[in-house]
C-alpha atoms as a PDB file:
ATOM      1  CA  UNK A   1     154.959 -95.221-222.371  1.00  0.00           C
ATOM      2  CA  UNK A   2     152.386 -94.887-219.606  1.00  0.00           C
ATOM      3  CA  UNK A   3     154.802 -95.426-216.392  1.00  0.00           C
ATOM      4  CA  UNK A   4     156.975 -93.425-218.088  1.00  0.00           C
ATOM      5  CA  UNK A   5     154.712 -90.524-218.985  1.00  0.00           C
ATOM      6  CA  UNK A   6     153.373 -90.412-215.714  1.00  0.00           C
ATOM      7  CA  UNK A   7     156.591 -89.975-213.985  1.00  0.00           C
ATOM      8  CA  UNK A   8     157.598 -86.756-216.611  1.00  0.00           C
ATOM      9  CA  UNK A   9     153.811 -86.026-215.333  1.00  0.00           C
ATOM     10  CA  UNK A  10     154.832 -85.987-211.245  1.00  0.00           C
ATOM     11  CA  UNK A  11     158.099 -84.838-212.099  1.00  0.00           C
ATOM     12  CA  UNK A  12     157.957 -81.396-214.172  1.00  0.00           C
ATOM     13  CA  UNK A  13     154.416 -81.349-211.386  1.00  0.00           C
ATOM     14  CA  UNK A  14     156.656 -80.752-208.699  1.00  0.00           C
ATOM     15  CA  UNK A  15     159.287 -78.526-209.704  1.00  0.00           C
ATOM     16  CA  UNK A  16     156.758 -75.368-208.651  1.00  0.00           C
ATOM     17  CA  UNK A  17     156.392 -76.869-205.261  1.00  0.00           C
ATOM     18  CA  UNK A  18     159.706 -76.583-204.234  1.00  0.00           C
ATOM     19  CA  UNK A  19     159.988 -72.987-203.827  1.00  0.00           C
ATOM     20  CA  UNK A  20     157.011 -72.816-201.300  1.00  0.00           C
ATOM     21  CA  UNK A  21     159.437 -74.938-198.401  1.00  0.00           C
ATOM     22  CA  UNK A  22     161.768 -71.706-198.252  1.00  0.00           C
ATOM     23  CA  UNK A  23     159.072 -69.213-197.840  1.00  0.00           C
ATOM     24  CA  UNK A  24     157.321 -71.159-195.725  1.00  0.00           C
ATOM     25  CA  UNK A  25     160.162 -71.468-192.875  1.00  0.00           C
ATOM     26  CA  UNK A  26     161.006 -67.801-193.368  1.00  0.00           C
ATOM     27  CA  UNK A  27     157.587 -67.203-192.238  1.00  0.00           C
ATOM     28  CA  UNK A  28     157.392 -69.904-189.294  1.00  0.00           C
ATOM     29  CA  UNK A  29     161.081 -67.757-188.386  1.00  0.00           C
ATOM     30  CA  UNK A  30     160.232 -64.644-187.893  1.00  0.00           C
ATOM     31  CA  UNK A  31     156.930 -65.564-186.995  1.00  0.00           C
ATOM     32  CA  UNK A  32     156.785 -66.815-183.567  1.00  0.00           C
ATOM     33  CA  UNK A  33     154.034 -70.200-182.003  1.00  0.00           C
ATOM     34  CA  UNK A  34     151.665 -68.508-183.293  1.00  0.00           C
ATOM     35  CA  UNK A  35     152.450 -68.246-186.615  1.00  0.00           C
ATOM     36  CA  UNK A  36     153.910 -71.637-186.357  1.00  0.00           C
ATOM     37  CA  UNK A  37     150.925 -73.266-185.072  1.00  0.00           C
ATOM     38  CA  UNK A  38     149.185 -71.606-187.783  1.00  0.00           C
ATOM     39  CA  UNK A  39     150.925 -72.552-190.374  1.00  0.00           C
ATOM     40  CA  UNK A  40     150.203 -76.766-188.749  1.00  0.00           C
ATOM     41  CA  UNK A  41     146.752 -76.343-188.938  1.00  0.00           C
ATOM     42  CA  UNK A  42     146.712 -74.879-192.508  1.00  0.00           C
ATOM     43  CA  UNK A  43     149.051 -78.119-193.099  1.00  0.00           C
ATOM     44  CA  UNK A  44     146.561 -80.996-191.533  1.00  0.00           C
ATOM     45  CA  UNK A  45     143.542 -79.357-193.301  1.00  0.00           C
ATOM     46  CA  UNK A  46     145.120 -79.164-196.512  1.00  0.00           C
ATOM     47  CA  UNK A  47     146.135 -82.840-196.261  1.00  0.00           C
ATOM     48  CA  UNK A  48     143.113 -84.253-193.996  1.00  0.00           C
ATOM     49  CA  UNK A  49     140.581 -82.759-196.722  1.00  0.00           C
ATOM     50  CA  UNK A  50     141.138 -85.187-199.851  1.00  0.00           C
ATOM     51  CA  UNK A  51     140.791 -87.783-197.802  1.00  0.00           C
ATOM     52  CA  UNK A  52     138.066 -86.678-196.878  1.00  0.00           C
ATOM     53  CA  UNK A  53     136.501 -86.617-200.236  1.00  0.00           C
ATOM     54  CA  UNK A  54     137.611 -90.053-201.455  1.00  0.00           C
ATOM     55  CA  UNK A  55     135.953 -91.921-198.402  1.00  0.00           C
ATOM     56  CA  UNK A  56     132.210 -89.845-198.491  1.00  0.00           C
ATOM     57  CA  UNK A  57     132.746 -90.714-202.463  1.00  0.00           C
ATOM     58  CA  UNK A  58     133.807 -94.783-202.282  1.00  0.00           C
ATOM     59  CA  UNK A  59     131.028 -94.621-199.099  1.00  0.00           C
ATOM     60  CA  UNK A  60     128.297 -93.313-201.964  1.00  0.00           C
ATOM     61  CA  UNK A  61     129.709 -94.962-204.257  1.00  0.00           C
ATOM     62  CA  UNK A  62     129.337 -98.478-202.067  1.00  0.00           C
ATOM     63  CA  UNK A  63     125.573 -97.463-201.039  1.00  0.00           C
ATOM     64  CA  UNK A  64     124.906 -97.582-204.534  1.00  0.00           C
ATOM     65  CA  UNK A  65     126.565-100.144-204.998  1.00  0.00           C
ATOM     66  CA  UNK A  66     124.674-102.490-202.715  1.00  0.00           C
ATOM     67  CA  UNK A  67     120.773-100.918-203.373  1.00  0.00           C
ATOM     68  CA  UNK A  68     121.391-101.982-207.542  1.00  0.00           C
ATOM     69  CA  UNK A  69     122.683-105.764-205.723  1.00  0.00           C
ATOM     70  CA  UNK A  70     119.675-106.231-203.382  1.00  0.00           C
ATOM     71  CA  UNK A  71     117.455-105.430-206.425  1.00  0.00           C
END
């Protein structure tokens, strides 16, 4: 039951994201190389930031766990 509801949430949540692809593509086609580089940089930034946050959180958790296990 949980898996089915999780799949429904992800499918319904992704329906809004389909509209952005055509808009980004149109901007890149009209804007030239400089605009394309800017959009690519933005995509990399948006992709890397969650991984950075998770890495910092895991590091802080590990450091806290290590301190508590020494005592």
